[in-house]
PDB file of N, CA and C in Angstrom:
ATOM      1  N   MET A   1     -82.180 -28.051 117.400  1.00  0.00           N
ATOM      2  CA  MET A   1     -80.870 -27.785 117.937  1.00  0.00           C
ATOM      3  C   MET A   1     -80.589 -28.746 119.020  1.00  0.00           C
ATOM      4  N   ILE A   2     -79.384 -29.256 118.928  1.00  0.00           N
ATOM      5  CA  ILE A   2     -78.982 -30.348 119.884  1.00  0.00           C
ATOM      6  C   ILE A   2     -78.142 -29.757 120.995  1.00  0.00           C
ATOM      7  N   GLN A   3     -77.357 -28.803 120.579  1.00  0.00           N
ATOM      8  CA  GLN A   3     -76.316 -28.248 121.688  1.00  0.00           C
ATOM      9  C   GLN A   3     -75.854 -26.873 121.186  1.00  0.00           C
ATOM     10  N   ALA A   4     -75.521 -26.007 122.153  1.00  0.00           N
ATOM     11  CA  ALA A   4     -74.927 -24.720 121.802  1.00  0.00           C
ATOM     12  C   ALA A   4     -73.851 -24.371 122.861  1.00  0.00           C
ATOM     13  N   GLU A   5     -72.730 -23.937 122.390  1.00  0.00           N
ATOM     14  CA  GLU A   5     -71.565 -23.654 123.159  1.00  0.00           C
ATOM     15  C   GLU A   5     -70.902 -22.270 123.045  1.00  0.00           C
ATOM     16  N   ASP A   6     -70.754 -21.507 123.967  1.00  0.00           N
ATOM     17  CA  ASP A   6     -70.010 -20.191 123.856  1.00  0.00           C
ATOM     18  C   ASP A   6     -68.532 -20.578 123.666  1.00  0.00           C
ATOM     19  N   VAL A   7     -67.892 -19.842 122.722  1.00  0.00           N
ATOM     20  CA  VAL A   7     -66.557 -20.205 122.353  1.00  0.00           C
ATOM     21  C   VAL A   7     -65.781 -18.771 122.305  1.00  0.00           C
ATOM     22  N   THR A   8     -64.477 -18.864 122.330  1.00  0.00           N
ATOM     23  CA  THR A   8     -63.599 -17.704 122.106  1.00  0.00           C
ATOM     24  C   THR A   8     -63.006 -17.757 120.667  1.00  0.00           C
ATOM     25  N   GLY A   9     -62.592 -16.661 120.231  1.00  0.00           N
ATOM     26  CA  GLY A   9     -62.050 -16.647 118.790  1.00  0.00           C
ATOM     27  C   GLY A   9     -62.922 -15.911 117.898  1.00  0.00           C
ATOM     28  N   PRO A  10     -62.935 -16.280 116.599  1.00  0.00           N
ATOM     29  CA  PRO A  10     -63.680 -15.477 115.595  1.00  0.00           C
ATOM     30  C   PRO A  10     -65.167 -15.715 115.640  1.00  0.00           C
ATOM     31  N   TYR A  11     -65.604 -16.756 116.400  1.00  0.00           N
ATOM     32  CA  TYR A  11     -67.038 -16.888 116.501  1.00  0.00           C
ATOM     33  C   TYR A  11     -67.474 -16.828 117.981  1.00  0.00           C
ATOM     34  N   ASP A  12     -68.803 -16.494 118.139  1.00  0.00           N
ATOM     35  CA  ASP A  12     -69.347 -16.240 119.383  1.00  0.00           C
ATOM     36  C   ASP A  12     -69.938 -17.555 120.033  1.00  0.00           C
ATOM     37  N   VAL A  13     -70.569 -18.301 119.150  1.00  0.00           N
ATOM     38  CA  VAL A  13     -71.301 -19.549 119.611  1.00  0.00           C
ATOM     39  C   VAL A  13     -71.142 -20.583 118.491  1.00  0.00           C
ATOM     40  N   ILE A  14     -71.044 -21.905 118.886  1.00  0.00           N
ATOM     41  CA  ILE A  14     -71.194 -22.914 117.929  1.00  0.00           C
ATOM     42  C   ILE A  14     -72.447 -23.691 118.356  1.00  0.00           C
ATOM     43  N   VAL A  15     -73.224 -24.028 117.451  1.00  0.00           N
ATOM     44  CA  VAL A  15     -74.529 -24.720 117.589  1.00  0.00           C
ATOM     45  C   VAL A  15     -74.407 -25.932 116.893  1.00  0.00           C
ATOM     46  N   ARG A  16     -74.766 -27.077 117.469  1.00  0.00           N
ATOM     47  CA  ARG A  16     -74.897 -28.364 116.801  1.00  0.00           C
ATOM     48  C   ARG A  16     -76.341 -28.645 116.622  1.00  0.00           C
ATOM     49  N   ALA A  17     -76.700 -28.817 115.358  1.00  0.00           N
ATOM     50  CA  ALA A  17     -78.072 -29.101 115.046  1.00  0.00           C
ATOM     51  C   ALA A  17     -78.078 -30.422 114.194  1.00  0.00           C
ATOM     52  N   GLN A  18     -79.277 -30.969 114.099  1.00  0.00           N
ATOM     53  CA  GLN A  18     -79.435 -32.236 113.406  1.00  0.00           C
ATOM     54  C   GLN A  18     -80.704 -32.162 112.439  1.00  0.00           C
ATOM     55  N   ALA A  19     -80.572 -32.550 111.219  1.00  0.00           N
ATOM     56  CA  ALA A  19     -81.722 -32.564 110.268  1.00  0.00           C
ATOM     57  C   ALA A  19     -81.531 -33.824 109.377  1.00  0.00           C
ATOM     58  N   ASP A  20     -82.608 -34.235 108.802  1.00  0.00           N
ATOM     59  CA  ASP A  20     -82.534 -35.421 107.845  1.00  0.00           C
ATOM     60  C   ASP A  20     -81.799 -35.141 106.598  1.00  0.00           C
ATOM     61  N   THR A  21     -81.948 -33.896 106.161  1.00  0.00           N
ATOM     62  CA  THR A  21     -81.349 -33.526 104.796  1.00  0.00           C
ATOM     63  C   THR A  21     -80.639 -32.193 104.948  1.00  0.00           C
ATOM     64  N   VAL A  22     -79.728 -31.912 103.997  1.00  0.00           N
ATOM     65  CA  VAL A  22     -78.908 -30.600 104.121  1.00  0.00           C
ATOM     66  C   VAL A  22     -80.076 -29.398 103.750  1.00  0.00           C
ATOM     67  N   ASP A  23     -80.986 -29.726 102.941  1.00  0.00           N
ATOM     68  CA  ASP A  23     -81.995 -28.696 102.649  1.00  0.00           C
ATOM     69  C   ASP A  23     -82.783 -28.445 103.918  1.00  0.00           C
ATOM     70  N   GLU A  24     -83.190 -29.397 104.683  1.00  0.00           N
ATOM     71  CA  GLU A  24     -83.869 -29.227 105.913  1.00  0.00           C
ATOM     72  C   GLU A  24     -83.045 -28.342 106.924  1.00  0.00           C
ATOM     73  N   LEU A  25     -81.742 -28.755 106.919  1.00  0.00           N
ATOM     74  CA  LEU A  25     -80.841 -28.046 107.818  1.00  0.00           C
ATOM     75  C   LEU A  25     -80.748 -26.486 107.358  1.00  0.00           C
ATOM     76  N   GLY A  26     -80.732 -26.282 106.092  1.00  0.00           N
ATOM     77  CA  GLY A  26     -80.719 -24.849 105.633  1.00  0.00           C
ATOM     78  C   GLY A  26     -81.933 -24.117 106.104  1.00  0.00           C
ATOM     79  N   ARG A  27     -83.056 -24.789 105.878  1.00  0.00           N
ATOM     80  CA  ARG A  27     -84.320 -24.215 106.291  1.00  0.00           C
ATOM     81  C   ARG A  27     -84.334 -23.835 107.785  1.00  0.00           C
ATOM     82  N   MET A  28     -83.869 -24.741 108.575  1.00  0.00           N
ATOM     83  CA  MET A  28     -83.829 -24.585 109.973  1.00  0.00           C
ATOM     84  C   MET A  28     -82.998 -23.355 110.318  1.00  0.00           C
ATOM     85  N   VAL A  29     -81.830 -23.236 109.697  1.00  0.00           N
ATOM     86  CA  VAL A  29     -81.003 -22.088 110.057  1.00  0.00           C
ATOM     87  C   VAL A  29     -81.593 -20.751 109.673  1.00  0.00           C
ATOM     88  N   VAL A  30     -82.215 -20.738 108.472  1.00  0.00           N
ATOM     89  CA  VAL A  30     -82.924 -19.434 108.141  1.00  0.00           C
ATOM     90  C   VAL A  30     -84.135 -19.230 108.892  1.00  0.00           C
ATOM     91  N   ALA A  31     -85.019 -20.249 109.181  1.00  0.00           N
ATOM     92  CA  ALA A  31     -86.148 -20.008 109.905  1.00  0.00           C
ATOM     93  C   ALA A  31     -86.067 -19.778 111.373  1.00  0.00           C
ATOM     94  N   LYS A  32     -85.071 -20.384 112.045  1.00  0.00           N
ATOM     95  CA  LYS A  32     -84.951 -20.268 113.458  1.00  0.00           C
ATOM     96  C   LYS A  32     -83.717 -19.564 113.890  1.00  0.00           C
ATOM     97  N   VAL A  33     -82.530 -19.958 113.496  1.00  0.00           N
ATOM     98  CA  VAL A  33     -81.338 -19.453 114.071  1.00  0.00           C
ATOM     99  C   VAL A  33     -81.170 -18.074 113.532  1.00  0.00           C
ATOM    100  N   GLN A  34     -81.315 -17.714 112.319  1.00  0.00           N
ATOM    101  CA  GLN A  34     -81.183 -16.358 111.851  1.00  0.00           C
ATOM    102  C   GLN A  34     -82.231 -15.366 112.295  1.00  0.00           C
ATOM    103  N   GLN A  35     -83.340 -15.818 112.929  1.00  0.00           N
ATOM    104  CA  GLN A  35     -84.324 -14.920 113.349  1.00  0.00           C
ATOM    105  C   GLN A  35     -84.053 -14.521 114.780  1.00  0.00           C
ATOM    106  N   VAL A  36     -83.055 -15.053 115.415  1.00  0.00           N
ATOM    107  CA  VAL A  36     -82.799 -14.703 116.848  1.00  0.00           C
ATOM    108  C   VAL A  36     -82.261 -13.240 116.831  1.00  0.00           C
ATOM    109  N   ASP A  37     -82.795 -12.376 117.746  1.00  0.00           N
ATOM    110  CA  ASP A  37     -82.260 -11.106 117.756  1.00  0.00           C
ATOM    111  C   ASP A  37     -80.766 -11.044 118.116  1.00  0.00           C
ATOM    112  N   GLY A  38     -80.041 -10.187 117.262  1.00  0.00           N
ATOM    113  CA  GLY A  38     -78.610 -10.034 117.460  1.00  0.00           C
ATOM    114  C   GLY A  38     -77.833 -10.969 116.558  1.00  0.00           C
ATOM    115  N   ILE A  39     -78.362 -11.930 115.874  1.00  0.00           N
ATOM    116  CA  ILE A  39     -77.574 -12.652 114.949  1.00  0.00           C
ATOM    117  C   ILE A  39     -77.642 -11.932 113.652  1.00  0.00           C
ATOM    118  N   THR A  40     -76.466 -11.581 113.167  1.00  0.00           N
ATOM    119  CA  THR A  40     -76.400 -10.844 111.815  1.00  0.00           C
ATOM    120  C   THR A  40     -75.956 -11.745 110.689  1.00  0.00           C
ATOM    121  N   ARG A  41     -75.327 -12.791 111.002  1.00  0.00           N
ATOM    122  CA  ARG A  41     -74.886 -13.785 109.902  1.00  0.00           C
ATOM    123  C   ARG A  41     -74.518 -15.059 110.520  1.00  0.00           C
ATOM    124  N   THR A  42     -74.601 -16.138 109.743  1.00  0.00           N
ATOM    125  CA  THR A  42     -74.192 -17.456 110.197  1.00  0.00           C
ATOM    126  C   THR A  42     -73.375 -18.169 109.187  1.00  0.00           C
ATOM    127  N   LEU A  43     -72.612 -19.147 109.631  1.00  0.00           N
ATOM    128  CA  LEU A  43     -71.825 -19.968 108.757  1.00  0.00           C
ATOM    129  C   LEU A  43     -72.203 -21.408 109.097  1.00  0.00           C
ATOM    130  N   THR A  44     -72.705 -22.177 108.161  1.00  0.00           N
ATOM    131  CA  THR A  44     -73.106 -23.489 108.339  1.00  0.00           C
ATOM    132  C   THR A  44     -72.135 -24.517 107.650  1.00  0.00           C
ATOM    133  N   CYS A  45     -71.614 -25.447 108.507  1.00  0.00           N
ATOM    134  CA  CYS A  45     -70.553 -26.433 108.141  1.00  0.00           C
ATOM    135  C   CYS A  45     -71.148 -27.739 108.433  1.00  0.00           C
ATOM    136  N   PRO A  46     -71.872 -28.339 107.438  1.00  0.00           N
ATOM    137  CA  PRO A  46     -72.421 -29.729 107.687  1.00  0.00           C
ATOM    138  C   PRO A  46     -71.398 -30.784 107.883  1.00  0.00           C
ATOM    139  N   VAL A  47     -71.687 -31.752 108.793  1.00  0.00           N
ATOM    140  CA  VAL A  47     -70.831 -32.924 108.912  1.00  0.00           C
ATOM    141  C   VAL A  47     -71.336 -33.959 107.994  1.00  0.00           C
ATOM    142  N   VAL A  48     -70.513 -34.549 107.165  1.00  0.00           N
ATOM    143  CA  VAL A  48     -70.845 -35.521 106.211  1.00  0.00           C
ATOM    144  C   VAL A  48     -70.198 -36.745 106.527  1.00  0.00           C
ATOM    145  N   HIS A  49     -70.989 -37.883 106.689  1.00  0.00           N
ATOM    146  CA  HIS A  49     -70.394 -39.203 106.979  1.00  0.00           C
ATOM    147  C   HIS A  49     -70.407 -39.998 105.758  1.00  0.00           C
ATOM    148  N   LEU A  50     -69.155 -40.336 105.203  1.00  0.00           N
ATOM    149  CA  LEU A  50     -68.966 -41.030 103.953  1.00  0.00           C
ATOM    150  C   LEU A  50     -68.847 -42.523 104.197  1.00  0.00           C
TER     151      LEU A  50
END
């Protein structure tokens, strides 16, 4: 995880994370972020540089 910010609106926190592949990012979200107490669901929106 690179950065986390509290926000207002429909989401509680926005986390900026970095991974070498989309698969690695998905594994990170499942293995680390979703295991935090109180997190019931996540929404992952990868940044793609074309």
